[in-house]
């Protein structure tokens, strides 16, 4: 997600016109929930996607994050940033105030644990939504999102996801080749997501005096499964999503997995490595290996093996197919992060709602399923995973309170619920 986090480094952005010359077009008011790097990047792209988009309201847990976000956005979007002080909201219920502020579109960029609740509130209120990935951290959250996706269809509002590879022109072209049979029948899929730690847990000595457990955990959200879902679910889910895409979003039969915590941490309860083996119908296998450690070999690639050839993504500048039907993507790569928002705002202007809800939930669940198998050491079926009663995210949350966080999972000891 480097492009989002560093969106300012490219300097001022020119805004392409979806409605060029239509000066009387109705503004599209945008609300942002979560003002960190990811949210700031999403807001920049949303404002770029439509000539008459305006940032109207924002929400976060920290006023300094709101201030920094707005300052950066004003540098690239100028007068499109129209957030008055009364539309800057703080707290765990701030998302509701954004929804009620008169916005048309809500960008959801908080830690993943919050997404099912935030998404449901937005869709119930009839708002269009850009929802970052993953869309939940547990099976109850996924079931909620699936219900919300159906509601979005009923309300005729757009729901676009942050699974950005689906909006990449060169990756879309590659998967079109796969689905057209260029490599024959898929035999196996191998994906890698080897990278450095994303948000290492600080030592307890860094915790300010008087800071509640909930605030401390939310400020270090990546390190707690109830907020992030673990690194597999929060980061490597992009690779999981490509596996799902190759399989035409049909779920696997089952999976087994290994994983653990190799490098000791100061706190939190997430693993730093996983390897998942998914079994699909007809004995097709998909393998994902992910690791987040310093000083190790890094790679983010995909290898799709078929009866007539092999697709390679990530080992070179362009995806390519070797075998009976050789192919290489030719052309300029688009900005997939921008393309997500271009599609969302075009759908709003054209009155043709987009709904990524079902497959974005399936991809998120596929990653959660892998985590379940790794944490418990058991073989987990798709039906078991989707119907799991394990609820990580609490029904109620007190900013000054605490959350019961399980110890680091122990395969063979930790139970599947």
Protein backbone atom coordinates (compact mmCIF):
# COMPACT_ATOMS: atom_id res chain seq x y z
CA UNK A 1 0.00 0.00 0.00
CA UNK A 2 3.01 2.28 -0.43
CA UNK A 3 1.34 4.34 -3.13
CA UNK A 4 -1.44 5.35 -0.75
CA UNK A 5 0.78 6.10 2.16
CA UNK A 6 3.12 8.20 0.05
CA UNK A 7 0.56 9.84 -2.18
CA UNK A 8 1.97 13.29 -1.50
CA UNK A 9 5.46 12.46 -2.69
CA UNK A 10 4.39 12.78 -6.29
CA UNK A 11 3.44 16.42 -5.71
CA UNK A 12 0.25 18.16 -6.71
CA UNK A 13 -2.22 16.06 -8.68
CA UNK A 14 -4.29 17.12 -11.64
CA UNK A 15 -7.93 16.15 -11.36
CA UNK A 16 -9.42 14.40 -14.42
CA UNK A 17 -12.96 15.35 -15.26
CA UNK A 18 -15.76 12.81 -15.19
CA UNK A 19 -18.20 15.65 -15.81
CA UNK A 20 -16.07 18.18 -17.64
CA UNK A 21 -17.90 21.40 -18.39
CA UNK A 22 -20.97 20.61 -16.31
CA UNK A 23 -20.56 23.45 -13.85
CA UNK A 24 -24.10 22.99 -12.56
CA UNK A 25 -23.51 19.36 -11.58
CA UNK A 26 -24.49 18.45 -8.05
CA UNK A 27 -21.52 18.11 -5.69
CA UNK A 28 -20.80 14.67 -4.28
CA UNK A 29 -20.07 15.11 -0.60
CA UNK A 30 -17.49 12.71 0.78
CA UNK A 31 -16.99 11.57 4.38
CA UNK A 32 -13.78 9.96 5.60
CA UNK A 33 -13.68 7.59 8.57
CA UNK A 34 -10.06 6.97 9.56
CA UNK A 35 -7.56 9.75 8.82
CA UNK A 36 -4.29 7.81 8.73
CA UNK A 37 -2.11 7.29 5.67
CA UNK A 38 -4.51 4.86 4.05
CA UNK A 39 -7.53 7.06 4.64
CA UNK A 40 -5.72 10.18 3.44
CA UNK A 41 -4.71 8.41 0.25
CA UNK A 42 -8.25 7.16 -0.35
CA UNK A 43 -9.62 10.67 0.18
CA UNK A 44 -7.14 12.12 -2.29
CA UNK A 45 -8.16 9.59 -4.92
CA UNK A 46 -11.86 10.13 -4.23
CA UNK A 47 -11.49 13.87 -4.75
CA UNK A 48 -9.55 13.27 -7.95
CA UNK A 49 -12.20 10.90 -9.31
CA UNK A 50 -14.92 13.51 -9.84
CA UNK A 51 -14.75 17.22 -10.72
CA UNK A 52 -17.42 18.03 -8.16
CA UNK A 53 -16.40 15.76 -5.29
CA UNK A 54 -15.94 17.56 -1.98
CA UNK A 55 -14.54 16.32 1.30
CA UNK A 56 -17.27 17.31 3.74
CA UNK A 57 -16.67 15.45 7.03
CA UNK A 58 -13.98 13.39 8.73
CA UNK A 59 -13.70 11.12 11.77
CA UNK A 60 -10.83 9.74 13.81
CA UNK A 61 -9.77 9.06 17.40
CA UNK A 62 -7.11 11.77 17.35
CA UNK A 63 -7.44 15.45 16.41
CA UNK A 64 -3.79 15.63 15.36
CA UNK A 65 -4.41 12.92 12.77
CA UNK A 66 -7.38 14.88 11.45
CA UNK A 67 -5.29 18.06 11.29
CA UNK A 68 -2.42 16.34 9.47
CA UNK A 69 -4.81 14.65 7.04
CA UNK A 70 -6.59 17.88 6.14
CA UNK A 71 -3.33 19.78 5.78
CA UNK A 72 -1.98 17.22 3.35
CA UNK A 73 -5.20 16.98 1.39
CA UNK A 74 -5.41 20.75 0.97
CA UNK A 75 -2.03 20.66 -0.73
CA UNK A 76 -3.27 18.32 -3.43
CA UNK A 77 -7.01 19.05 -3.58
CA UNK A 78 -7.23 22.68 -2.49
CA UNK A 79 -10.80 24.01 -2.53
CA UNK A 80 -12.26 20.51 -2.71
CA UNK A 81 -11.49 20.15 0.99
CA UNK A 82 -14.51 21.78 2.64
CA UNK A 83 -14.40 20.32 6.14
CA UNK A 84 -15.65 22.87 8.64
CA UNK A 85 -14.67 22.47 12.31
CA UNK A 86 -18.16 21.27 13.20
CA UNK A 87 -17.70 18.37 10.74
CA UNK A 88 -14.52 17.07 12.36
CA UNK A 89 -15.59 14.27 14.67
CA UNK A 90 -13.67 12.41 17.37
CA UNK A 91 -14.32 9.15 19.18
CA UNK A 92 -15.52 5.60 18.64
CA UNK A 93 -18.98 6.85 17.60
CA UNK A 94 -17.62 9.52 15.23
CA UNK A 95 -18.50 7.40 12.18
CA UNK A 96 -22.18 7.90 12.97
CA UNK A 97 -21.73 11.67 12.97
CA UNK A 98 -20.03 11.54 9.57
CA UNK A 99 -22.96 9.53 8.20
CA UNK A 100 -25.43 12.05 9.63
CA UNK A 101 -23.50 15.09 8.37
CA UNK A 102 -25.07 15.10 4.91
CA UNK A 103 -22.45 13.12 2.97
CA UNK A 104 -23.22 11.05 -0.11
CA UNK A 105 -20.19 8.75 0.02
CA UNK A 106 -18.28 7.33 2.99
CA UNK A 107 -14.70 6.08 2.81
CA UNK A 108 -14.03 3.43 5.47
CA UNK A 109 -10.35 3.23 6.41
CA UNK A 110 -10.28 2.31 10.10
CA UNK A 111 -8.77 -0.95 11.47
CA UNK A 112 -10.62 -3.93 9.95
CA UNK A 113 -12.38 -5.01 13.14
CA UNK A 114 -14.62 -1.96 12.91
CA UNK A 115 -15.68 -2.48 9.29
CA UNK A 116 -18.76 -4.70 9.60
CA UNK A 117 -20.39 -2.23 12.01
CA UNK A 118 -19.37 0.85 10.05
CA UNK A 119 -20.37 -0.66 6.73
CA UNK A 120 -23.80 -1.71 8.01
CA UNK A 121 -24.49 1.79 9.36
CA UNK A 122 -23.49 3.41 6.06
CA UNK A 123 -25.59 1.15 3.86
CA UNK A 124 -28.60 1.34 6.17
CA UNK A 125 -28.38 5.13 5.83
CA UNK A 126 -28.31 4.83 2.03
CA UNK A 127 -24.71 5.99 1.56
CA UNK A 128 -22.35 4.86 -1.16
CA UNK A 129 -19.23 3.27 0.31
CA UNK A 130 -15.58 2.66 -0.40
CA UNK A 131 -14.60 -0.07 2.08
CA UNK A 132 -10.95 -0.95 2.59
CA UNK A 133 -9.83 -4.56 2.79
CA UNK A 134 -10.26 -6.88 4.65
CA UNK A 135 -13.89 -6.38 5.49
CA UNK A 136 -13.92 -8.25 8.82
CA UNK A 137 -11.69 -10.15 11.23
CA UNK A 138 -13.98 -13.05 12.11
CA UNK A 139 -16.77 -15.19 10.67
CA UNK A 140 -19.62 -13.33 12.43
CA UNK A 141 -18.29 -10.15 10.86
CA UNK A 142 -18.21 -11.78 7.43
CA UNK A 143 -21.78 -12.99 7.79
CA UNK A 144 -22.79 -9.45 8.69
CA UNK A 145 -21.03 -8.05 5.63
CA UNK A 146 -22.75 -10.56 3.36
CA UNK A 147 -26.11 -9.39 4.70
CA UNK A 148 -25.08 -5.76 4.24
CA UNK A 149 -24.03 -6.44 0.64
CA UNK A 150 -27.53 -7.69 -0.10
CA UNK A 151 -28.95 -4.58 1.54
CA UNK A 152 -26.75 -2.41 -0.69
CA UNK A 153 -28.33 -4.04 -3.73
CA UNK A 154 -31.81 -3.39 -2.35
CA UNK A 155 -30.98 0.25 -1.64
CA UNK A 156 -29.26 0.68 -5.01
CA UNK A 157 -26.08 2.15 -3.57
CA UNK A 158 -22.51 1.40 -4.65
CA UNK A 159 -20.13 -0.65 -2.53
CA UNK A 160 -16.56 -0.71 -3.82
CA UNK A 161 -13.74 -2.51 -2.06
CA UNK A 162 -10.06 -1.80 -1.45
CA UNK A 163 -8.97 -5.09 -3.03
CA UNK A 164 -7.04 -2.97 -5.48
CA UNK A 165 -5.65 -5.69 -7.78
CA UNK A 166 -9.15 -6.26 -9.14
CA UNK A 167 -8.95 -2.72 -10.55
CA UNK A 168 -5.49 -3.09 -12.10
CA UNK A 169 -5.69 -3.17 -15.88
CA UNK A 170 -2.67 -5.43 -16.35
CA UNK A 171 -3.73 -7.89 -13.64
CA UNK A 172 -7.28 -7.94 -14.99
CA UNK A 173 -5.89 -8.75 -18.43
CA UNK A 174 -3.84 -11.56 -16.90
CA UNK A 175 -6.78 -13.15 -15.14
CA UNK A 176 -8.84 -12.79 -18.30
CA UNK A 177 -6.23 -15.01 -19.97
CA UNK A 178 -6.51 -17.52 -17.13
CA UNK A 179 -10.29 -17.61 -17.30
CA UNK A 180 -10.21 -17.90 -21.10
CA UNK A 181 -8.21 -21.11 -20.79
CA UNK A 182 -4.87 -19.86 -22.10
CA UNK A 183 -3.03 -21.99 -19.52
CA UNK A 184 -5.59 -24.78 -19.69
CA UNK A 185 -7.10 -26.07 -16.46
CA UNK A 186 -5.59 -24.74 -13.24
CA UNK A 187 -3.64 -27.42 -11.41
CA UNK A 188 -2.10 -25.33 -8.61
CA UNK A 189 -1.59 -21.75 -7.44
CA UNK A 190 1.42 -20.64 -5.40
CA UNK A 191 1.52 -17.14 -3.92
CA UNK A 192 4.18 -15.44 -1.82
CA UNK A 193 3.86 -12.44 0.50
CA UNK A 194 7.27 -12.11 2.14
CA UNK A 195 7.85 -8.66 3.58
CA UNK A 196 9.12 -6.73 6.60
CA UNK A 197 6.98 -6.07 9.69
CA UNK A 198 4.25 -3.54 8.96
CA UNK A 199 3.59 -1.93 12.34
CA UNK A 200 5.85 -3.44 15.02
CA UNK A 201 4.50 -3.39 18.55
CA UNK A 202 6.24 -0.76 20.70
CA UNK A 203 7.51 -1.70 24.15
CA UNK A 204 5.15 -1.21 27.09
CA UNK A 205 7.45 1.53 28.34
CA UNK A 206 6.29 3.69 25.42
CA UNK A 207 2.71 3.62 26.67
CA UNK A 208 1.70 7.04 28.09
CA UNK A 209 0.65 7.06 31.72
CA UNK A 210 -3.11 6.74 32.13
CA UNK A 211 -3.77 5.48 28.59
CA UNK A 212 -6.51 2.84 28.63
CA UNK A 213 -6.03 -0.66 27.28
CA UNK A 214 -8.49 -0.01 24.47
CA UNK A 215 -6.76 3.17 23.36
CA UNK A 216 -3.32 1.52 23.54
CA UNK A 217 -4.53 -1.41 21.45
CA UNK A 218 -6.28 0.75 18.86
CA UNK A 219 -3.19 2.92 18.47
CA UNK A 220 -1.24 -0.31 17.87
CA UNK A 221 -4.10 -2.06 16.12
CA UNK A 222 -2.06 -4.15 13.70
CA UNK A 223 -0.70 -6.29 16.54
CA UNK A 224 -4.06 -7.51 17.86
CA UNK A 225 -6.24 -10.06 16.09
CA UNK A 226 -9.50 -8.45 17.21
CA UNK A 227 -8.52 -5.30 15.32
CA UNK A 228 -6.39 -6.49 12.37
CA UNK A 229 -7.25 -10.16 11.99
CA UNK A 230 -3.46 -10.85 11.95
CA UNK A 231 -0.98 -10.11 9.15
CA UNK A 232 -2.38 -12.85 6.95
CA UNK A 233 -5.83 -11.31 7.06
CA UNK A 234 -4.77 -7.65 6.91
CA UNK A 235 -1.89 -7.74 4.41
CA UNK A 236 -1.48 -11.10 2.66
CA UNK A 237 -5.22 -11.04 1.98
CA UNK A 238 -4.29 -9.35 -1.32
CA UNK A 239 -2.64 -12.61 -2.39
CA UNK A 240 -5.58 -14.59 -1.03
CA UNK A 241 -7.88 -12.42 -3.12
CA UNK A 242 -5.96 -13.25 -6.28
CA UNK A 243 -6.27 -16.94 -5.46
CA UNK A 244 -10.02 -16.48 -5.06
CA UNK A 245 -10.15 -14.55 -8.33
CA UNK A 246 -8.35 -17.32 -10.22
CA UNK A 247 -10.86 -19.81 -8.82
CA UNK A 248 -13.74 -17.60 -10.00
CA UNK A 249 -14.59 -16.78 -6.37
CA UNK A 250 -15.79 -20.30 -5.66
CA UNK A 251 -14.76 -21.33 -2.13
CA UNK A 252 -12.32 -24.14 -1.39
CA UNK A 253 -13.30 -27.45 0.16
CA UNK A 254 -10.89 -27.16 3.10
CA UNK A 255 -7.46 -26.01 4.17
CA UNK A 256 -4.62 -26.87 6.52
CA UNK A 257 -1.95 -24.43 7.62
CA UNK A 258 1.14 -23.84 9.71
CA UNK A 259 2.25 -20.63 11.35
CA UNK A 260 3.64 -19.08 14.45
CA UNK A 261 5.64 -16.30 16.06
CA UNK A 262 9.36 -16.68 15.40
CA UNK A 263 10.52 -13.22 16.51
CA UNK A 264 9.44 -12.30 20.07
CA UNK A 265 7.29 -9.18 20.33
CA UNK A 266 6.58 -6.69 23.10
CA UNK A 267 2.90 -7.53 23.10
CA UNK A 268 -0.01 -8.29 20.84
CA UNK A 269 -1.08 -11.74 19.74
CA UNK A 270 -0.38 -12.09 16.00
CA UNK A 271 1.84 -14.56 14.14
CA UNK A 272 4.72 -13.41 11.95
CA UNK A 273 4.57 -16.25 9.42
CA UNK A 274 1.99 -18.56 7.81
CA UNK A 275 1.78 -21.21 5.10
CA UNK A 276 -1.71 -22.16 3.91
CA UNK A 277 -2.67 -25.13 1.76
CA UNK A 278 -6.17 -24.75 0.25
CA UNK A 279 -7.91 -27.72 -1.35
CA UNK A 280 -10.32 -26.94 -4.19
CA UNK A 281 -12.63 -29.32 -6.10
CA UNK A 282 -10.93 -31.74 -8.52
CA UNK A 283 -7.83 -31.82 -6.29
CA UNK A 284 -6.71 -28.36 -7.34
CA UNK A 285 -4.39 -26.87 -4.71
CA UNK A 286 -3.57 -23.28 -3.77
CA UNK A 287 -0.64 -22.44 -1.53
CA UNK A 288 0.12 -19.14 0.18
CA UNK A 289 3.31 -18.43 2.10
CA UNK A 290 3.63 -15.16 4.01
CA UNK A 291 6.20 -13.79 6.42
CA UNK A 292 6.84 -10.45 8.11
CA UNK A 293 10.40 -10.38 9.43
CA UNK A 294 13.42 -8.13 9.15
CA UNK A 295 16.52 -9.28 7.27
CA UNK A 296 14.80 -12.02 5.27
CA UNK A 297 14.18 -12.66 1.58
CA UNK A 298 11.25 -10.57 0.31
CA UNK A 299 8.92 -11.46 -2.53
CA UNK A 300 5.34 -10.73 -3.55
CA UNK A 301 4.58 -12.98 -6.49
CA UNK A 302 2.03 -15.36 -7.97
CA UNK A 303 2.57 -18.55 -9.94
CA UNK A 304 -0.52 -20.11 -11.53
CA UNK A 305 0.18 -23.56 -12.98
CA UNK A 306 -2.11 -24.99 -15.63
CA UNK A 307 -2.21 -27.98 -17.95
CA UNK A 308 -0.97 -25.83 -20.87
CA UNK A 309 1.22 -23.23 -19.24
CA UNK A 310 2.23 -21.13 -16.24
CA UNK A 311 1.34 -17.56 -15.29
CA UNK A 312 3.99 -15.58 -13.43
CA UNK A 313 3.09 -12.30 -11.74
CA UNK A 314 5.62 -10.23 -9.85
CA UNK A 315 8.90 -11.70 -11.06
CA UNK A 316 9.54 -9.08 -13.68
CA UNK A 317 7.94 -5.85 -14.87
CA UNK A 318 4.95 -7.50 -16.57
CA UNK A 319 2.86 -10.64 -16.01
CA UNK A 320 3.61 -13.35 -18.51
CA UNK A 321 2.51 -16.81 -19.60
CA UNK A 322 4.94 -19.51 -20.62
CA UNK A 323 3.99 -22.81 -22.21
CA UNK A 324 1.84 -23.67 -25.21
CA UNK A 325 0.32 -20.18 -25.51
CA UNK A 326 2.92 -17.54 -24.68
CA UNK A 327 1.60 -14.15 -23.60
CA UNK A 328 2.87 -10.96 -21.99
CA UNK A 329 0.89 -7.91 -21.00
CA UNK A 330 1.65 -5.02 -23.33
CA UNK A 331 0.65 -1.46 -22.63
CA UNK A 332 0.80 1.10 -19.86
CA UNK A 333 -0.17 0.13 -16.33
CA UNK A 334 -2.99 2.11 -14.77
CA UNK A 335 -3.08 3.42 -11.21
CA UNK A 336 -5.22 0.71 -9.62
CA UNK A 337 -5.80 2.74 -6.45
CA UNK A 338 -7.20 5.60 -8.49
CA UNK A 339 -9.17 3.22 -10.68
CA UNK A 340 -11.16 2.00 -7.66
CA UNK A 341 -12.45 5.49 -6.97
CA UNK A 342 -12.93 6.35 -10.63
CA UNK A 343 -15.22 3.33 -10.90
CA UNK A 344 -17.09 4.23 -7.70
CA UNK A 345 -17.78 7.83 -8.63
CA UNK A 346 -18.63 6.99 -12.24
CA UNK A 347 -21.19 4.47 -10.97
CA UNK A 348 -22.75 7.16 -8.77
CA UNK A 349 -22.93 9.71 -11.57
CA UNK A 350 -24.35 7.18 -14.02
CA UNK A 351 -26.86 5.73 -11.56
CA UNK A 352 -25.47 2.24 -12.12
CA UNK A 353 -24.47 0.93 -8.68
CA UNK A 354 -21.43 -1.31 -8.30
CA UNK A 355 -21.45 -3.96 -5.60
CA UNK A 356 -18.23 -5.80 -4.72
CA UNK A 357 -19.78 -7.04 -1.49
CA UNK A 358 -20.07 -10.79 -1.99
CA UNK A 359 -16.61 -11.46 -3.39
CA UNK A 360 -14.86 -9.04 -1.04
CA UNK A 361 -16.43 -10.98 1.84
CA UNK A 362 -15.43 -14.31 0.30
CA UNK A 363 -11.80 -13.24 -0.10
CA UNK A 364 -11.66 -11.91 3.46
CA UNK A 365 -13.20 -15.15 4.75
CA UNK A 366 -10.65 -17.19 2.82
CA UNK A 367 -7.85 -15.46 4.72
CA UNK A 368 -9.66 -15.84 8.05
CA UNK A 369 -10.10 -19.55 7.28
CA UNK A 370 -6.34 -19.88 6.79
CA UNK A 371 -5.70 -18.17 10.11
CA UNK A 372 -8.15 -20.53 11.83
CA UNK A 373 -6.31 -23.56 10.44
CA UNK A 374 -2.91 -22.19 11.47
CA UNK A 375 -4.00 -21.14 14.96
CA UNK A 376 -5.68 -24.46 15.77
CA UNK A 377 -3.50 -26.85 13.78
CA UNK A 378 -6.67 -28.46 12.40
CA UNK A 379 -8.05 -29.07 8.94
CA UNK A 380 -10.87 -26.58 8.49
CA UNK A 381 -13.64 -26.88 5.91
CA UNK A 382 -15.21 -23.85 4.25
CA UNK A 383 -18.54 -24.59 5.93
CA UNK A 384 -16.89 -24.80 9.34
CA UNK A 385 -15.04 -21.54 8.79
CA UNK A 386 -18.00 -19.57 7.51
CA UNK A 387 -20.23 -20.81 10.33
CA UNK A 388 -17.64 -20.38 13.09
CA UNK A 389 -18.93 -18.85 16.32
CA UNK A 390 -15.57 -17.33 17.27
CA UNK A 391 -16.21 -13.61 17.73
CA UNK A 392 -13.05 -11.52 18.07
CA UNK A 393 -14.50 -8.02 17.88
CA UNK A 394 -16.60 -7.05 20.92
CA UNK A 395 -20.24 -5.96 20.62
CA UNK A 396 -19.55 -2.92 22.80
CA UNK A 397 -16.35 -0.98 23.25
CA UNK A 398 -15.43 1.49 25.99
CA UNK A 399 -12.68 3.96 25.10
CA UNK A 400 -11.55 3.93 28.74
CA UNK A 401 -11.99 0.18 29.16
CA UNK A 402 -10.26 -3.01 28.12
CA UNK A 403 -10.75 -5.99 25.81
CA UNK A 404 -9.96 -9.56 26.77
CA UNK A 405 -7.21 -10.53 24.34
CA UNK A 406 -6.40 -14.24 23.97
CA UNK A 407 -2.80 -15.32 24.36
CA UNK A 408 -0.77 -16.12 21.26
CA UNK A 409 -2.42 -19.11 19.60
CA UNK A 410 -0.85 -22.55 20.14
CA UNK A 411 -1.58 -25.05 17.32
CA UNK A 412 -2.92 -28.28 18.76
CA UNK A 413 -4.01 -26.48 21.93
CA UNK A 414 -6.07 -23.54 20.67
CA UNK A 415 -9.58 -24.78 19.90
CA UNK A 416 -11.70 -24.10 16.84
CA UNK A 417 -14.97 -22.46 17.81
